[in-house]
Amino acid sequence: MENGRQRLIEAYRSAFRLWQQRRLIEAEKLLDEFWQQSGMKSLRGMLLMAYILRDRQKYVSEVKVLEELLERFADSSEAKLLADAWSMLGSVLRRLGESELSVEAFKKSVELEPDKEQKLVECSNALFSANAIDGVTAEYMQSLYALYRRLLADLAIEPYPAPDWQHEKIRVGYLSADLREHAVAQFVRPLFCQYDRNRFRVYGYSLVRQPDNVTAVLQQGCDTWRDVSDCSWVEMAQQIRADEIDILIDLAGHSAENALPVFAYRPALVQISGIGYFNSTGMQEMQGFLSDRYCSPEEHSPYFTEKLLRLPQSHFCYQPFSAFPPVGQAPCLAKGYVTFGCFNNFAKVNDGMLLVWKEILQRVPDSRLLLKHSLLGIEEGISYTRQRFERLGMPMERIEFRGLSKDYLEQYNDMDIALDTSPYPGGLTTCEALYMGVPVVTLKGNRHGARFGYSFLANLGLQELVAEDAEGYVDIAVKIAGDWELLALLRANLRRMMQASPLMDGDAYMRAMESLYGRLYEESV
């Protein structure tokens, strides 16, 4: 018995070393052969196999290993390892588009996780996944916010007293882990580089662990840059308080590596969230959430705990760091048929959306559907997605899968019409499609984060591409698919239209933002 246990430990250690050295195929083979020969599996060994399979992008195999682990070791006293396994299962299910199951897995991780701070991370993960659930209700979201607040209360954070400092300039701080080559960074450059230096002093609080050229541009643009990537939440709060920040803006919400608990310390006079996330933080310490009149017709929403701070045009300002290739001609002119497409994160593509796309393909004979995502470039991802599509009766012979590639912007030249997702629409991908001359059909949505596509298109004067419901979405897609002259016209003019629109007008955007900041500051002093 002791000899068997020793062999089990040695196999785990050997595989772990190979995994650390990124020798993933060898690590997987070692564990698999040991299991077959010995019949012995350990909790740690199976969890390591899940990590190996994740890193090899064998996501379906990862799910199978995790499900077996959680059944086999359900009664284990190693709560931390079980919580890790549930968290991994939540992540891979989200990647595969199983959002509801993902939320439940993350909630199990919250339940088992012994570390109070990590519980909050897992609850954020659950909230993030919930946004892609088709038909998700305000009550469902509010229940998750309530859970987050209970977990936050368990930290027994002592907030700072209301500040009484006075400055010649309003001090604005931005906190984010995405101040790098990331989707969020394509919308924040004006905040760091185009503000009124006579009225404002800007501080960047960076959680970026691997700074890049984008980080450097943002750092050089603002007055003060703080690298807080190695700081605890309390240390971040202490630094922000020491800097006497008047308005602190969270740019992450419940996305990865967020630092939302910092706001529970109330280090700043005014605290708001926005841009980097699409739904409420659920925190009582947030006085507002950045939005616009298209995303939020009212100041209050049942999906939000914060007041919605509505800018008069767009609450986004798109200023890409990437160089874009030239816009090609509409591909239908050369191919003789229309190609619909979607390059959105595939976790946003729920079954309800696929059935809508299926109807569009049925109503536009000979049309094609082009889908591109990292999941669709790997064997297991393709197999899993194909089975899912076949179950829904999708016409597979008219659908093309493509994996991730560096030339993805050029591949918009293979698409005539982009189909947006709902209730979790595209953000950066919508802007990229439009900038490449590809019109985007979107659903209006019933809340701030579900209405991004509507806001983008309304700011371009293209509200006719926005549908009130699924039936209208299909009708719009079918109608423009039949007007090749319109597709060619949009192809030739969309980039110029974007450049002339509020979506890319940094000066006007900052005037609106700074007017909001000034009002928030005056209301709080």
Protein backbone atom coordinates (compact mmCIF):
# COMPACT_ATOMS: atom_id res chain seq x y z
CA MET A 1 0.00 0.00 0.00
CA GLU A 2 2.79 2.36 0.98
CA ASN A 3 4.67 1.48 -2.21
CA GLY A 4 1.61 2.33 -4.29
CA ARG A 5 1.21 5.67 -2.53
CA GLN A 6 4.87 6.48 -3.16
CA ARG A 7 4.48 5.67 -6.89
CA LEU A 8 1.42 7.92 -7.00
CA ILE A 9 3.36 10.81 -5.48
CA GLU A 10 6.36 10.28 -7.78
CA ALA A 11 4.13 10.22 -10.89
CA TYR A 12 2.46 13.46 -9.79
CA ARG A 13 5.77 15.20 -9.13
CA SER A 14 7.23 14.11 -12.46
CA ALA A 15 4.15 15.27 -14.37
CA PHE A 16 4.10 18.54 -12.43
CA ARG A 17 7.74 19.25 -13.40
CA LEU A 18 6.95 18.54 -17.05
CA TRP A 19 3.92 20.86 -16.86
CA GLN A 20 6.06 23.62 -15.35
CA GLN A 21 8.54 23.18 -18.21
CA ARG A 22 5.61 23.45 -20.69
CA ARG A 23 6.27 19.90 -21.89
CA LEU A 24 2.54 19.36 -21.97
CA ILE A 25 2.26 16.32 -24.25
CA GLU A 26 4.80 14.42 -22.13
CA ALA A 27 3.04 15.43 -18.92
CA GLU A 28 -0.34 14.25 -20.20
CA LYS A 29 1.14 10.97 -21.45
CA LEU A 30 2.92 10.28 -18.16
CA LEU A 31 -0.22 10.71 -16.07
CA ASP A 32 -2.43 8.82 -18.49
CA GLU A 33 -0.07 5.84 -18.67
CA PHE A 34 0.33 5.76 -14.89
CA TRP A 35 -3.45 5.72 -14.42
CA GLN A 36 -3.88 2.92 -16.94
CA GLN A 37 -1.10 0.78 -15.44
CA SER A 38 -1.84 1.35 -11.76
CA GLY A 39 -5.54 2.12 -11.67
CA MET A 40 -4.74 4.76 -9.06
CA LYS A 41 -5.92 8.36 -9.36
CA SER A 42 -5.44 11.16 -6.84
CA LEU A 43 -7.27 14.46 -6.46
CA ARG A 44 -4.08 16.42 -7.08
CA GLY A 45 -3.15 14.28 -10.06
CA MET A 46 -6.52 14.71 -11.73
CA LEU A 47 -6.49 18.44 -11.06
CA LEU A 48 -3.03 18.66 -12.63
CA MET A 49 -4.34 16.76 -15.66
CA ALA A 50 -7.12 19.34 -15.97
CA TYR A 51 -4.52 22.12 -16.01
CA ILE A 52 -2.50 20.26 -18.64
CA LEU A 53 -5.56 19.74 -20.84
CA ARG A 54 -6.57 23.39 -20.44
CA ASP A 55 -3.13 24.52 -21.54
CA ARG A 56 -3.31 22.13 -24.50
CA GLN A 57 -6.71 23.62 -25.38
CA LYS A 58 -8.36 20.20 -25.08
CA TYR A 59 -11.41 21.69 -23.43
CA VAL A 60 -13.86 18.82 -23.83
CA SER A 61 -11.34 16.40 -22.30
CA GLU A 62 -10.77 18.91 -19.51
CA VAL A 63 -14.51 18.92 -18.71
CA LYS A 64 -14.55 15.11 -18.57
CA VAL A 65 -11.57 14.96 -16.20
CA LEU A 66 -13.03 17.64 -13.92
CA GLU A 67 -16.45 15.98 -13.81
CA GLU A 68 -14.87 12.64 -12.93
CA LEU A 69 -12.68 14.31 -10.28
CA LEU A 70 -15.65 16.06 -8.66
CA GLU A 71 -17.66 12.85 -8.55
CA ARG A 72 -14.80 10.64 -7.37
CA PHE A 73 -13.57 13.03 -4.66
CA ALA A 74 -16.84 14.76 -3.71
CA ASP A 75 -16.32 13.88 -0.04
CA SER A 76 -12.66 14.92 0.12
CA SER A 77 -11.61 17.16 3.00
CA GLU A 78 -9.35 19.13 0.62
CA ALA A 79 -11.83 21.97 0.13
CA LYS A 80 -9.30 24.28 -1.52
CA LEU A 81 -8.54 21.76 -4.28
CA LEU A 82 -12.22 21.03 -4.86
CA ALA A 83 -12.95 24.76 -5.05
CA ASP A 84 -10.17 25.08 -7.64
CA ALA A 85 -11.67 22.22 -9.65
CA TRP A 86 -15.15 23.80 -9.62
CA SER A 87 -13.60 27.13 -10.69
CA MET A 88 -11.77 25.46 -13.58
CA LEU A 89 -15.01 23.75 -14.61
CA GLY A 90 -16.79 27.13 -14.56
CA SER A 91 -14.13 28.65 -16.79
CA VAL A 92 -14.11 25.88 -19.37
CA LEU A 93 -17.91 25.69 -19.50
CA ARG A 94 -18.03 29.43 -20.14
CA ARG A 95 -15.52 29.00 -22.96
CA LEU A 96 -17.75 26.31 -24.49
CA GLY A 97 -20.80 28.58 -24.30
CA GLU A 98 -22.49 26.77 -21.38
CA SER A 99 -23.10 29.93 -19.38
CA GLU A 100 -25.76 28.70 -16.93
CA LEU A 101 -23.72 25.63 -16.01
CA SER A 102 -20.68 27.89 -15.69
CA VAL A 103 -22.44 30.10 -13.13
CA GLU A 104 -23.46 27.08 -11.05
CA ALA A 105 -19.89 25.73 -11.09
CA PHE A 106 -18.48 29.05 -9.90
CA LYS A 107 -21.10 29.20 -7.13
CA LYS A 108 -19.97 25.75 -5.96
CA SER A 109 -16.42 27.09 -5.91
CA VAL A 110 -17.58 30.02 -3.76
CA GLU A 111 -19.25 27.58 -1.36
CA LEU A 112 -16.16 25.39 -0.93
CA GLU A 113 -13.38 28.00 -1.15
CA PRO A 114 -11.88 28.57 2.34
CA ASP A 115 -10.15 31.86 1.47
CA LYS A 116 -12.47 34.87 1.87
CA GLU A 117 -10.78 36.98 -0.79
CA GLN A 118 -10.78 34.15 -3.34
CA LYS A 119 -14.51 33.65 -2.67
CA LEU A 120 -15.04 37.16 -4.07
CA VAL A 121 -12.99 36.31 -7.18
CA GLU A 122 -15.14 33.24 -7.83
CA CYS A 123 -18.33 35.25 -7.30
CA SER A 124 -17.06 37.78 -9.86
CA ASN A 125 -16.48 34.87 -12.23
CA ALA A 126 -20.09 33.75 -11.75
CA LEU A 127 -21.38 37.25 -12.41
CA PHE A 128 -19.30 37.54 -15.57
CA SER A 129 -20.68 34.25 -16.93
CA ALA A 130 -24.27 35.21 -16.09
CA ASN A 131 -24.22 38.05 -18.61
CA ALA A 132 -24.34 35.65 -21.57
CA ILE A 133 -27.38 33.68 -20.34
CA ASP A 134 -30.23 34.02 -22.80
CA GLY A 135 -33.19 35.69 -21.05
CA VAL A 136 -31.33 36.29 -17.78
CA THR A 137 -33.59 38.19 -15.38
CA ALA A 138 -32.88 41.18 -13.16
CA GLU A 139 -33.86 39.06 -10.13
CA TYR A 140 -31.25 36.44 -11.04
CA MET A 141 -28.54 39.08 -11.38
CA GLN A 142 -29.58 40.82 -8.18
CA SER A 143 -29.31 37.51 -6.28
CA LEU A 144 -25.68 37.24 -7.43
CA TYR A 145 -25.00 40.86 -6.43
CA ALA A 146 -26.43 40.11 -2.99
CA LEU A 147 -24.09 37.12 -2.70
CA TYR A 148 -21.14 39.32 -3.65
CA ARG A 149 -22.09 41.90 -1.00
CA ARG A 150 -22.40 39.19 1.69
CA LEU A 151 -18.94 37.87 0.82
CA LEU A 152 -17.56 41.41 0.85
CA ALA A 153 -19.10 42.02 4.28
CA ASP A 154 -17.27 38.93 5.56
CA LEU A 155 -13.98 40.79 5.03
CA ALA A 156 -15.11 43.32 7.67
CA ILE A 157 -13.53 46.21 5.75
CA GLU A 158 -13.37 49.46 7.68
CA PRO A 159 -14.05 52.32 5.23
CA TYR A 160 -12.22 55.62 5.39
CA PRO A 161 -14.16 58.64 6.68
CA ALA A 162 -15.46 61.14 4.14
CA PRO A 163 -12.49 63.22 2.90
CA ASP A 164 -12.30 66.98 3.37
CA TRP A 165 -9.33 67.79 1.13
CA GLN A 166 -9.32 70.64 -1.38
CA HIS A 167 -7.24 70.75 -4.57
CA GLU A 168 -6.61 73.30 -7.27
CA LYS A 169 -7.38 70.58 -9.86
CA ILE A 170 -9.84 67.71 -9.62
CA ARG A 171 -7.87 64.49 -9.14
CA VAL A 172 -9.15 61.60 -11.23
CA GLY A 173 -7.88 58.04 -10.82
CA TYR A 174 -8.41 55.03 -13.12
CA LEU A 175 -7.96 51.49 -11.76
CA SER A 176 -7.58 48.56 -14.17
CA ALA A 177 -5.67 45.41 -15.09
CA ASP A 178 -6.37 46.05 -18.79
CA LEU A 179 -4.14 49.07 -19.47
CA ARG A 180 -2.28 47.03 -22.10
CA GLU A 181 -2.94 45.39 -25.48
CA HIS A 182 -6.51 44.49 -24.57
CA ALA A 183 -10.01 45.28 -25.80
CA VAL A 184 -10.64 47.78 -22.99
CA ALA A 185 -7.52 49.80 -23.81
CA GLN A 186 -8.94 50.64 -27.26
CA PHE A 187 -11.56 52.77 -25.50
CA VAL A 188 -9.56 54.57 -22.78
CA ARG A 189 -6.80 56.49 -24.55
CA PRO A 190 -8.64 59.88 -24.37
CA LEU A 191 -9.02 59.47 -20.60
CA PHE A 192 -5.24 59.35 -20.23
CA CYS A 193 -4.09 61.50 -23.12
CA GLN A 194 -6.74 64.10 -24.03
CA TYR A 195 -7.97 65.53 -20.73
CA ASP A 196 -8.00 69.20 -19.73
CA ARG A 197 -4.75 69.59 -17.82
CA ASN A 198 -5.82 72.96 -16.48
CA ARG A 199 -8.77 71.45 -14.62
CA PHE A 200 -7.79 67.84 -13.94
CA ARG A 201 -4.88 65.80 -12.65
CA VAL A 202 -5.02 62.15 -13.79
CA TYR A 203 -3.64 59.13 -11.93
CA GLY A 204 -3.35 55.67 -13.47
CA TYR A 205 -3.45 52.70 -11.07
CA SER A 206 -2.18 49.79 -13.10
CA LEU A 207 -2.68 46.13 -12.24
CA VAL A 208 -0.88 45.11 -15.44
CA ARG A 209 1.71 42.41 -14.78
CA GLN A 210 3.35 42.50 -18.21
CA PRO A 211 3.40 46.09 -19.49
CA ASP A 212 3.60 46.63 -23.25
CA ASN A 213 3.61 49.48 -25.78
CA VAL A 214 -0.01 50.34 -25.03
CA THR A 215 0.82 50.58 -21.33
CA ALA A 216 3.67 52.95 -22.18
CA VAL A 217 1.40 55.28 -24.21
CA LEU A 218 -1.16 55.49 -21.41
CA GLN A 219 1.53 55.94 -18.76
CA GLN A 220 3.18 58.77 -20.67
CA GLY A 221 -0.16 60.49 -21.19
CA CYS A 222 -1.20 60.98 -17.57
CA ASP A 223 0.28 62.95 -14.67
CA THR A 224 0.99 60.10 -12.26
CA TRP A 225 1.29 56.36 -12.82
CA ARG A 226 1.18 53.82 -10.01
CA ASP A 227 2.08 50.18 -10.58
CA VAL A 228 -0.11 48.42 -8.01
CA SER A 229 0.08 44.94 -9.57
CA ASP A 230 1.80 43.49 -6.51
CA CYS A 231 -0.30 45.34 -3.94
CA SER A 232 -3.04 43.86 -1.77
CA TRP A 233 -6.48 45.46 -1.86
CA VAL A 234 -5.80 47.32 1.37
CA GLU A 235 -2.46 48.60 0.03
CA MET A 236 -4.14 49.87 -3.14
CA ALA A 237 -6.73 51.67 -1.05
CA GLN A 238 -3.98 53.20 1.08
CA GLN A 239 -2.15 54.50 -2.01
CA ILE A 240 -5.32 55.96 -3.52
CA ARG A 241 -6.17 57.61 -0.21
CA ALA A 242 -2.65 59.01 0.10
CA ASP A 243 -3.00 60.49 -3.41
CA GLU A 244 -6.22 62.22 -2.28
CA ILE A 245 -8.20 61.11 -5.32
CA ASP A 246 -11.44 63.01 -5.86
CA ILE A 247 -13.01 60.70 -8.47
CA LEU A 248 -11.98 57.04 -8.72
CA ILE A 249 -13.13 55.08 -11.77
CA ASP A 250 -13.11 51.30 -11.92
CA LEU A 251 -12.52 50.15 -15.52
CA ALA A 252 -12.97 46.42 -14.89
CA GLY A 253 -16.21 45.56 -13.11
CA HIS A 254 -16.38 41.80 -12.53
CA SER A 255 -13.92 40.95 -15.33
CA ALA A 256 -10.65 39.10 -14.73
CA GLU A 257 -8.16 40.45 -12.19
CA ASN A 258 -10.51 43.16 -11.00
CA ALA A 259 -9.90 45.01 -7.74
CA LEU A 260 -13.50 45.91 -6.86
CA PRO A 261 -13.02 45.28 -3.11
CA VAL A 262 -10.72 48.36 -3.05
CA PHE A 263 -13.86 50.47 -3.44
CA ALA A 264 -15.30 49.05 -0.21
CA TYR A 265 -12.62 51.05 1.64
CA ARG A 266 -14.11 54.25 0.12
CA PRO A 267 -10.64 55.74 -0.52
CA ALA A 268 -11.97 58.46 -2.88
CA LEU A 269 -14.57 61.19 -2.64
CA VAL A 270 -16.57 59.88 -5.64
CA GLN A 271 -16.46 56.27 -6.90
CA ILE A 272 -17.91 55.05 -10.21
CA SER A 273 -17.47 52.16 -12.66
CA GLY A 274 -17.73 51.73 -16.42
CA ILE A 275 -16.24 51.13 -19.89
CA GLY A 276 -14.44 47.85 -19.12
CA TYR A 277 -17.58 46.01 -18.01
CA PHE A 278 -21.18 45.87 -19.18
CA ASN A 279 -23.27 45.36 -16.07
CA SER A 280 -23.59 46.48 -12.47
CA THR A 281 -20.89 45.93 -9.88
CA GLY A 282 -23.65 45.33 -7.34
CA MET A 283 -21.68 47.40 -4.82
CA GLN A 284 -23.29 49.99 -2.57
CA GLU A 285 -19.98 51.87 -2.48
CA MET A 286 -20.33 52.80 -6.18
CA GLN A 287 -22.15 56.08 -6.73
CA GLY A 288 -22.64 55.61 -10.44
CA PHE A 289 -22.08 53.56 -13.57
CA LEU A 290 -21.02 55.17 -16.83
CA SER A 291 -23.53 54.82 -19.67
CA ASP A 292 -25.18 56.88 -22.41
CA ARG A 293 -28.67 57.79 -23.53
CA TYR A 294 -28.82 54.88 -25.97
CA CYS A 295 -27.60 52.18 -23.58
CA SER A 296 -29.77 53.50 -20.75
CA PRO A 297 -33.06 55.24 -21.50
CA GLU A 298 -33.52 55.84 -17.75
CA GLU A 299 -31.19 56.68 -14.85
CA HIS A 300 -32.20 53.54 -12.98
CA SER A 301 -32.41 49.92 -14.10
CA PRO A 302 -33.58 46.80 -12.24
CA TYR A 303 -30.33 45.17 -13.40
CA PHE A 304 -28.20 47.80 -11.62
CA THR A 305 -27.58 48.89 -8.06
CA GLU A 306 -25.84 52.08 -9.24
CA LYS A 307 -27.35 55.18 -10.78
CA LEU A 308 -26.67 55.20 -14.53
CA LEU A 309 -24.61 58.23 -15.56
CA ARG A 310 -25.80 58.86 -19.10
CA LEU A 311 -23.59 60.75 -21.52
CA PRO A 312 -25.41 62.62 -24.32
CA GLN A 313 -23.85 60.52 -27.11
CA SER A 314 -21.48 57.58 -26.65
CA HIS A 315 -19.91 56.49 -23.36
CA PHE A 316 -17.25 54.82 -25.51
CA CYS A 317 -14.55 56.56 -27.52
CA TYR A 318 -12.90 54.15 -29.94
CA GLN A 319 -9.24 54.96 -30.53
CA PRO A 320 -7.51 51.77 -31.72
CA PHE A 321 -3.82 51.19 -31.22
CA SER A 322 -3.65 48.69 -34.10
CA ALA A 323 -2.97 49.61 -37.71
CA PHE A 324 -5.88 48.54 -39.91
CA PRO A 325 -5.60 46.96 -43.35
CA PRO A 326 -7.37 48.58 -46.31
CA VAL A 327 -11.09 47.91 -46.74
CA GLY A 328 -11.77 45.49 -49.60
CA GLN A 329 -14.83 45.35 -51.82
CA ALA A 330 -17.97 43.58 -50.61
CA PRO A 331 -17.18 39.85 -51.09
CA CYS A 332 -20.68 39.11 -52.43
CA LEU A 333 -19.76 40.99 -55.62
CA ALA A 334 -17.02 38.49 -56.43
CA LYS A 335 -18.52 35.33 -54.93
CA GLY A 336 -22.09 35.74 -56.04
CA TYR A 337 -23.55 35.06 -52.59
CA VAL A 338 -23.75 36.88 -49.25
CA THR A 339 -21.52 35.90 -46.33
CA PHE A 340 -22.79 36.61 -42.84
CA GLY A 341 -20.28 36.39 -40.00
CA CYS A 342 -19.45 36.81 -36.34
CA PHE A 343 -16.02 37.17 -34.75
CA ASN A 344 -17.39 37.73 -31.22
CA ASN A 345 -16.14 35.72 -28.25
CA PHE A 346 -17.86 32.38 -28.72
CA ALA A 347 -19.01 32.31 -25.09
CA LYS A 348 -21.53 34.98 -26.19
CA VAL A 349 -23.09 32.69 -28.82
CA ASN A 350 -26.04 31.04 -27.05
CA ASP A 351 -28.45 28.57 -28.63
CA GLY A 352 -31.16 31.20 -29.00
CA MET A 353 -28.81 33.28 -31.15
CA LEU A 354 -27.89 30.28 -33.27
CA LEU A 355 -31.55 29.56 -34.01
CA VAL A 356 -31.99 33.18 -35.16
CA TRP A 357 -28.97 32.82 -37.46
CA LYS A 358 -30.37 29.52 -38.74
CA GLU A 359 -33.56 31.32 -39.82
CA ILE A 360 -31.53 34.00 -41.62
CA LEU A 361 -29.65 31.33 -43.58
CA GLN A 362 -32.94 29.66 -44.48
CA ARG A 363 -34.37 32.94 -45.78
CA VAL A 364 -31.28 33.94 -47.79
CA PRO A 365 -30.62 31.09 -50.24
CA ASP A 366 -26.98 30.23 -50.95
CA SER A 367 -25.75 32.54 -48.15
CA ARG A 368 -22.89 31.46 -45.90
CA LEU A 369 -22.00 31.95 -42.22
CA LEU A 370 -18.38 32.60 -41.21
CA LEU A 371 -17.50 32.15 -37.52
CA LYS A 372 -14.08 32.88 -36.07
CA HIS A 373 -12.79 32.26 -32.54
CA SER A 374 -9.92 30.45 -30.82
CA LEU A 375 -12.29 27.59 -29.92
CA LEU A 376 -12.92 27.00 -33.62
CA GLY A 377 -9.25 26.49 -34.42
CA ILE A 378 -8.73 23.40 -32.27
CA GLU A 379 -9.86 19.83 -32.90
CA GLU A 380 -11.93 19.36 -29.74
CA GLY A 381 -13.50 22.81 -30.05
CA ILE A 382 -14.56 22.17 -33.63
CA SER A 383 -15.96 18.73 -32.77
CA TYR A 384 -17.90 20.05 -29.77
CA THR A 385 -19.28 23.01 -31.71
CA ARG A 386 -20.22 20.87 -34.70
CA GLN A 387 -22.21 18.52 -32.45
CA ARG A 388 -23.94 21.49 -30.83
CA PHE A 389 -24.82 22.99 -34.22
CA GLU A 390 -26.07 19.68 -35.61
CA ARG A 391 -28.31 19.23 -32.56
CA LEU A 392 -29.94 22.58 -33.47
CA GLY A 393 -30.30 21.60 -37.13
CA MET A 394 -27.83 24.19 -38.41
CA PRO A 395 -26.93 23.81 -42.14
CA MET A 396 -23.32 22.75 -41.60
CA GLU A 397 -22.45 22.71 -45.31
CA ARG A 398 -22.94 26.51 -45.36
CA ILE A 399 -21.00 27.30 -42.18
CA GLU A 400 -17.24 27.89 -42.01
CA PHE A 401 -15.22 27.73 -38.80
CA ARG A 402 -11.93 29.61 -38.45
CA GLY A 403 -9.53 29.73 -35.52
CA LEU A 404 -7.68 32.67 -34.04
CA SER A 405 -5.10 34.35 -36.29
CA LYS A 406 -3.05 37.53 -36.37
CA ASP A 407 -4.60 38.62 -39.67
CA TYR A 408 -8.15 38.54 -38.31
CA LEU A 409 -8.81 42.17 -39.30
CA GLU A 410 -8.09 41.37 -42.96
CA GLN A 411 -10.56 38.50 -42.73
CA TYR A 412 -13.40 40.99 -42.35
CA ASN A 413 -12.90 41.36 -46.11
CA ASP A 414 -14.45 37.87 -46.39
CA MET A 415 -17.67 39.01 -44.64
CA ASP A 416 -20.56 41.05 -46.04
CA ILE A 417 -22.70 41.43 -42.91
CA ALA A 418 -21.75 40.95 -39.25
CA LEU A 419 -24.33 39.37 -36.95
CA ASP A 420 -24.11 40.62 -33.37
CA THR A 421 -24.81 38.43 -30.32
CA SER A 422 -27.41 39.00 -27.60
CA PRO A 423 -27.83 39.54 -24.67
CA TYR A 424 -24.03 39.86 -24.52
CA PRO A 425 -23.16 41.87 -27.65
CA GLY A 426 -19.85 42.66 -29.23
CA GLY A 427 -17.85 45.65 -28.06
CA LEU A 428 -14.46 45.91 -29.72
CA THR A 429 -15.42 43.35 -32.39
CA THR A 430 -18.38 45.52 -33.44
CA CYS A 431 -16.16 48.57 -33.80
CA GLU A 432 -13.58 46.57 -35.76
CA ALA A 433 -16.22 45.20 -38.12
CA LEU A 434 -17.64 48.67 -38.77
CA TYR A 435 -14.15 50.14 -39.27
CA MET A 436 -13.52 47.42 -41.85
CA GLY A 437 -16.66 48.48 -43.73
CA VAL A 438 -18.88 45.63 -42.53
CA PRO A 439 -22.41 46.61 -41.41
CA VAL A 440 -23.52 45.04 -38.13
CA VAL A 441 -27.06 43.85 -37.35
CA THR A 442 -27.87 43.98 -33.64
CA LEU A 443 -30.69 43.52 -31.16
CA LYS A 444 -31.60 46.57 -29.11
CA GLY A 445 -31.49 44.76 -25.76
CA ASN A 446 -33.20 45.49 -22.47
CA ARG A 447 -30.34 46.88 -20.36
CA HIS A 448 -27.10 48.86 -20.55
CA GLY A 449 -24.71 46.04 -21.46
CA ALA A 450 -27.12 44.43 -23.93
CA ARG A 451 -27.47 47.70 -25.88
CA PHE A 452 -23.85 48.37 -26.87
CA GLY A 453 -24.56 47.56 -30.52
CA TYR A 454 -27.52 49.95 -30.51
CA SER A 455 -25.38 52.74 -29.06
CA PHE A 456 -22.59 52.21 -31.61
CA LEU A 457 -24.99 52.21 -34.54
CA ALA A 458 -27.10 55.11 -33.28
CA ASN A 459 -23.97 57.22 -32.95
CA LEU A 460 -23.25 56.42 -36.61
CA GLY A 461 -26.80 57.29 -37.70
CA LEU A 462 -27.49 53.64 -38.59
CA GLN A 463 -30.43 52.89 -36.30
CA GLU A 464 -32.08 50.99 -39.17
CA LEU A 465 -29.66 48.12 -38.44
CA VAL A 466 -31.03 47.83 -34.87
CA ALA A 467 -33.87 45.37 -34.22
CA GLU A 468 -36.42 45.50 -31.40
CA ASP A 469 -36.79 41.70 -31.33
CA ALA A 470 -35.52 38.47 -32.92
CA GLU A 471 -38.06 38.63 -35.75
CA GLY A 472 -36.96 42.17 -36.62
CA TYR A 473 -33.30 41.08 -36.46
CA VAL A 474 -33.94 38.40 -39.06
CA ASP A 475 -35.90 40.80 -41.27
CA ILE A 476 -33.11 43.42 -41.21
CA ALA A 477 -30.41 40.86 -42.02
CA VAL A 478 -32.47 39.44 -44.89
CA LYS A 479 -33.31 42.89 -46.26
CA ILE A 480 -29.75 44.22 -46.44
CA ALA A 481 -28.50 40.86 -47.75
CA GLY A 482 -30.69 41.50 -50.77
CA ASP A 483 -29.31 44.98 -51.43
CA TRP A 484 -25.80 44.53 -52.78
CA GLU A 485 -25.62 48.14 -53.87
CA LEU A 486 -26.18 49.21 -50.25
CA LEU A 487 -23.56 46.72 -49.03
CA ALA A 488 -21.01 48.18 -51.47
CA LEU A 489 -21.92 51.72 -50.43
CA LEU A 490 -21.52 50.93 -46.73
CA ARG A 491 -18.26 49.14 -47.48
CA ALA A 492 -16.86 52.25 -49.09
CA ASN A 493 -18.04 54.70 -46.45
CA LEU A 494 -18.28 53.11 -43.00
CA ARG A 495 -14.69 53.86 -41.98
CA ARG A 496 -15.08 57.52 -42.87
CA MET A 497 -18.45 57.62 -41.11
CA MET A 498 -16.88 56.24 -37.96
CA GLN A 499 -14.02 58.72 -38.04
CA ALA A 500 -16.51 61.60 -38.31
CA SER A 501 -18.83 60.25 -35.60
CA PRO A 502 -18.97 60.71 -31.81
CA LEU A 503 -17.51 57.19 -31.54
CA MET A 504 -14.05 58.50 -32.46
CA ASP A 505 -14.24 62.18 -31.45
CA GLY A 506 -11.87 62.25 -28.50
CA ASP A 507 -12.19 65.97 -27.82
CA ALA A 508 -15.99 65.98 -27.69
CA TYR A 509 -15.96 62.79 -25.64
CA MET A 510 -13.64 64.29 -23.04
CA ARG A 511 -15.72 67.46 -22.82
CA ALA A 512 -18.75 65.31 -21.99
CA MET A 513 -16.79 63.19 -19.53
CA GLU A 514 -15.25 66.19 -17.79
CA SER A 515 -18.62 67.89 -17.56
CA LEU A 516 -19.88 64.76 -15.79
CA TYR A 517 -16.82 64.68 -13.51
CA GLY A 518 -17.30 68.32 -12.61
CA ARG A 519 -20.94 67.76 -11.76
CA LEU A 520 -20.19 64.66 -9.63
CA TYR A 521 -17.48 66.55 -7.79
CA GLU A 522 -19.68 69.58 -7.06
CA GLU A 523 -22.48 67.35 -5.81
CA SER A 524 -20.12 65.60 -3.39
CA VAL A 525 -18.18 68.46 -1.77
